[in-house]
């Protein structure tokens, strides 16, 4: 467990996050749970996904996936 210090930044309290624990994004959410603070990346929005889906051509999979072998399923109940 790393130990760090808090400092003042204007009217806010700030915490230095050691480099080996640094996040790869700038948008973080923080919540208090009892006497702990939990910091985690803000969940990514679907905007990027929609852009990637829009990049597919109009004829993408027009002919379907083709013939595919189906694996035998185990029909025994557990």
N, C-alpha and C. Protein backbone atom coordinates (compact mmCIF):
# COMPACT_ATOMS: atom_id res chain seq x y z
N UNK A 1 0.85 -1.18 0.00
CA UNK A 1 0.00 0.00 0.00
C UNK A 1 0.89 1.23 0.00
N UNK A 2 0.61 2.16 -0.87
CA UNK A 2 1.37 3.40 -0.95
C UNK A 2 0.84 4.41 0.06
N UNK A 3 1.71 5.25 0.53
CA UNK A 3 1.32 6.33 1.44
C UNK A 3 1.60 7.64 0.71
N UNK A 4 0.66 8.56 0.78
CA UNK A 4 0.81 9.85 0.12
C UNK A 4 0.33 10.95 1.05
N UNK A 5 0.43 12.16 0.62
CA UNK A 5 0.01 13.30 1.44
C UNK A 5 -1.09 14.06 0.72
N UNK A 6 -1.89 14.74 1.50
CA UNK A 6 -2.89 15.64 0.93
C UNK A 6 -2.32 17.05 0.98
N UNK A 7 -2.82 17.90 0.09
CA UNK A 7 -2.40 19.30 0.10
C UNK A 7 -3.58 20.15 -0.33
N UNK A 8 -3.46 21.43 -0.16
CA UNK A 8 -4.52 22.36 -0.53
C UNK A 8 -4.31 22.85 -1.95
N UNK A 9 -5.40 22.91 -2.70
CA UNK A 9 -5.40 23.48 -4.04
C UNK A 9 -6.61 24.40 -4.09
N UNK A 10 -6.39 25.68 -3.78
CA UNK A 10 -7.52 26.60 -3.64
C UNK A 10 -8.32 26.21 -2.41
N UNK A 11 -9.63 26.04 -2.57
CA UNK A 11 -10.49 25.63 -1.46
C UNK A 11 -10.64 24.12 -1.37
N UNK A 12 -9.98 23.39 -2.25
CA UNK A 12 -10.12 21.93 -2.29
C UNK A 12 -8.90 21.25 -1.68
N UNK A 13 -9.13 20.04 -1.23
CA UNK A 13 -8.05 19.20 -0.77
C UNK A 13 -7.67 18.30 -1.94
N UNK A 14 -6.39 18.08 -2.16
CA UNK A 14 -5.93 17.26 -3.29
C UNK A 14 -5.01 16.16 -2.77
N UNK A 15 -4.92 15.09 -3.54
CA UNK A 15 -4.07 13.95 -3.19
C UNK A 15 -3.15 13.67 -4.37
N UNK A 16 -1.89 13.48 -4.09
CA UNK A 16 -0.95 13.08 -5.13
C UNK A 16 -1.05 11.56 -5.30
N UNK A 17 -1.24 11.13 -6.53
CA UNK A 17 -1.31 9.70 -6.81
C UNK A 17 0.06 9.28 -7.34
N UNK A 18 0.73 8.34 -6.69
CA UNK A 18 2.04 7.90 -7.16
C UNK A 18 1.98 7.39 -8.61
N UNK A 19 3.07 7.56 -9.33
CA UNK A 19 3.12 7.20 -10.76
C UNK A 19 2.74 5.74 -11.00
N UNK A 20 3.14 4.84 -10.13
CA UNK A 20 2.84 3.43 -10.35
C UNK A 20 1.36 3.10 -10.12
N UNK A 21 0.59 4.03 -9.57
CA UNK A 21 -0.84 3.85 -9.37
C UNK A 21 -1.67 4.78 -10.26
N UNK A 22 -0.99 5.55 -11.11
CA UNK A 22 -1.67 6.57 -11.91
C UNK A 22 -2.68 5.96 -12.87
N UNK A 23 -3.75 6.69 -13.11
CA UNK A 23 -4.76 6.29 -14.08
C UNK A 23 -4.33 6.75 -15.46
N UNK A 24 -4.82 6.07 -16.49
CA UNK A 24 -4.47 6.46 -17.86
C UNK A 24 -5.47 7.47 -18.43
N UNK A 25 -6.40 7.92 -17.60
CA UNK A 25 -7.40 8.90 -18.03
C UNK A 25 -7.48 10.03 -17.01
N UNK A 26 -8.01 11.17 -17.45
CA UNK A 26 -8.12 12.32 -16.55
C UNK A 26 -9.46 12.40 -15.85
N UNK A 27 -10.50 11.78 -16.40
CA UNK A 27 -11.84 11.86 -15.80
C UNK A 27 -12.02 10.74 -14.79
N UNK A 28 -12.09 11.11 -13.53
CA UNK A 28 -12.24 10.14 -12.44
C UNK A 28 -13.46 10.52 -11.63
N UNK A 29 -14.10 9.53 -11.03
CA UNK A 29 -15.17 9.81 -10.08
C UNK A 29 -14.68 9.41 -8.70
N UNK A 30 -15.17 10.10 -7.70
CA UNK A 30 -14.74 9.85 -6.33
C UNK A 30 -15.97 9.78 -5.45
N UNK A 31 -15.97 8.86 -4.51
CA UNK A 31 -17.08 8.74 -3.57
C UNK A 31 -16.53 8.42 -2.19
N UNK A 32 -17.26 8.86 -1.20
CA UNK A 32 -16.91 8.54 0.17
C UNK A 32 -17.72 7.33 0.61
N UNK A 33 -17.03 6.35 1.16
CA UNK A 33 -17.68 5.16 1.72
C UNK A 33 -17.14 5.01 3.13
N UNK A 34 -17.94 5.41 4.10
CA UNK A 34 -17.46 5.43 5.49
C UNK A 34 -16.32 6.41 5.61
N UNK A 35 -15.17 5.92 6.09
CA UNK A 35 -14.01 6.81 6.22
C UNK A 35 -13.01 6.62 5.07
N UNK A 36 -13.47 5.99 3.98
CA UNK A 36 -12.62 5.78 2.80
C UNK A 36 -13.09 6.64 1.64
N UNK A 37 -12.16 6.99 0.77
CA UNK A 37 -12.48 7.64 -0.50
C UNK A 37 -12.15 6.64 -1.59
N UNK A 38 -13.07 6.43 -2.49
CA UNK A 38 -12.86 5.51 -3.61
C UNK A 38 -12.77 6.32 -4.89
N UNK A 39 -11.70 6.13 -5.62
CA UNK A 39 -11.47 6.84 -6.87
C UNK A 39 -11.40 5.81 -7.99
N UNK A 40 -12.14 6.06 -9.06
CA UNK A 40 -12.14 5.14 -10.20
C UNK A 40 -12.39 5.93 -11.48
N UNK A 41 -11.97 5.38 -12.62
CA UNK A 41 -12.24 6.07 -13.89
C UNK A 41 -13.74 6.17 -14.14
N UNK A 42 -14.15 7.29 -14.73
CA UNK A 42 -15.55 7.45 -15.13
C UNK A 42 -15.81 6.43 -16.23
N UNK A 43 -16.91 5.68 -16.16
CA UNK A 43 -17.18 4.70 -17.22
C UNK A 43 -17.22 5.38 -18.59
N UNK A 44 -16.65 4.70 -19.56
CA UNK A 44 -16.61 5.26 -20.92
C UNK A 44 -18.00 5.30 -21.50
N UNK A 45 -18.27 6.35 -22.25
CA UNK A 45 -19.58 6.50 -22.89
C UNK A 45 -19.61 5.72 -24.18
N UNK A 46 -20.79 5.52 -24.71
CA UNK A 46 -20.95 4.75 -25.93
C UNK A 46 -20.72 5.57 -27.20
N UNK A 47 -20.41 6.86 -27.05
CA UNK A 47 -20.20 7.71 -28.22
C UNK A 47 -19.15 7.12 -29.16
N UNK A 48 -18.04 6.66 -28.61
CA UNK A 48 -16.97 6.09 -29.43
C UNK A 48 -17.43 4.83 -30.15
N UNK A 49 -18.23 4.02 -29.48
CA UNK A 49 -18.73 2.80 -30.09
C UNK A 49 -19.63 3.12 -31.27
N UNK A 50 -20.49 4.10 -31.12
CA UNK A 50 -21.39 4.45 -32.21
C UNK A 50 -20.61 4.92 -33.44
N UNK A 51 -19.53 5.64 -33.21
CA UNK A 51 -18.68 6.08 -34.32
C UNK A 51 -18.02 4.91 -35.02
N UNK A 52 -17.59 3.92 -34.25
CA UNK A 52 -16.97 2.74 -34.84
C UNK A 52 -17.98 1.93 -35.65
N UNK A 53 -19.19 1.82 -35.13
CA UNK A 53 -20.22 1.09 -35.87
C UNK A 53 -20.59 1.81 -37.16
N UNK A 54 -20.59 3.13 -37.14
CA UNK A 54 -20.92 3.91 -38.34
C UNK A 54 -19.87 3.74 -39.43
N UNK A 55 -18.66 3.31 -39.05
CA UNK A 55 -17.58 3.14 -40.02
C UNK A 55 -17.75 1.89 -40.89
N UNK A 56 -18.63 0.97 -40.51
CA UNK A 56 -18.85 -0.22 -41.32
C UNK A 56 -19.52 0.16 -42.63
N UNK A 57 -19.14 -0.50 -43.70
CA UNK A 57 -19.75 -0.20 -45.00
C UNK A 57 -21.19 -0.70 -45.03
N UNK A 58 -21.98 -0.16 -45.97
CA UNK A 58 -23.39 -0.54 -46.08
C UNK A 58 -23.56 -2.01 -46.41
N UNK A 59 -22.58 -2.60 -47.08
CA UNK A 59 -22.73 -4.01 -47.47
C UNK A 59 -22.05 -4.97 -46.48
N UNK A 60 -21.68 -4.47 -45.33
CA UNK A 60 -21.05 -5.33 -44.32
C UNK A 60 -22.00 -6.45 -43.93
N UNK A 61 -21.56 -7.67 -44.09
CA UNK A 61 -22.31 -8.89 -43.76
C UNK A 61 -23.63 -8.98 -44.53
N UNK A 62 -23.69 -8.39 -45.70
CA UNK A 62 -24.91 -8.46 -46.50
C UNK A 62 -25.27 -9.92 -46.79
N UNK A 63 -24.25 -10.75 -46.97
CA UNK A 63 -24.49 -12.17 -47.27
C UNK A 63 -24.50 -13.03 -46.01
N UNK A 64 -24.56 -12.41 -44.86
CA UNK A 64 -24.61 -13.16 -43.61
C UNK A 64 -23.24 -13.67 -43.21
N UNK A 65 -23.22 -14.59 -42.30
CA UNK A 65 -21.98 -15.15 -41.79
C UNK A 65 -21.57 -16.40 -42.53
N UNK A 66 -22.40 -16.88 -43.42
CA UNK A 66 -22.06 -18.12 -44.12
C UNK A 66 -22.37 -19.32 -43.26
N UNK A 67 -22.03 -20.46 -43.80
CA UNK A 67 -22.27 -21.72 -43.05
C UNK A 67 -21.24 -21.87 -41.95
N UNK A 68 -21.72 -22.22 -40.78
CA UNK A 68 -20.82 -22.44 -39.66
C UNK A 68 -21.21 -23.72 -38.95
N UNK A 69 -20.20 -24.48 -38.55
CA UNK A 69 -20.45 -25.71 -37.80
C UNK A 69 -20.92 -25.34 -36.40
N UNK A 70 -21.93 -26.06 -35.93
CA UNK A 70 -22.44 -25.87 -34.58
C UNK A 70 -21.84 -26.94 -33.68
N UNK A 71 -21.33 -26.54 -32.55
CA UNK A 71 -20.79 -27.50 -31.58
C UNK A 71 -21.93 -28.27 -30.94
N UNK A 72 -21.66 -29.53 -30.64
CA UNK A 72 -22.65 -30.34 -29.92
C UNK A 72 -22.80 -29.79 -28.51
N UNK A 73 -24.02 -29.68 -28.04
CA UNK A 73 -24.27 -29.19 -26.69
C UNK A 73 -24.52 -30.34 -25.74
N UNK A 74 -24.09 -30.15 -24.54
CA UNK A 74 -24.32 -31.14 -23.49
C UNK A 74 -25.74 -30.91 -22.96
N UNK A 75 -26.61 -31.88 -23.15
CA UNK A 75 -28.00 -31.71 -22.74
C UNK A 75 -28.29 -32.30 -21.37
N UNK A 76 -27.25 -32.78 -20.70
CA UNK A 76 -27.46 -33.33 -19.35
C UNK A 76 -27.75 -32.20 -18.37
N UNK A 77 -28.63 -32.44 -17.44
CA UNK A 77 -28.92 -31.46 -16.38
C UNK A 77 -27.96 -31.69 -15.23
N UNK A 78 -27.55 -30.62 -14.60
CA UNK A 78 -26.64 -30.79 -13.47
C UNK A 78 -27.37 -30.71 -12.16
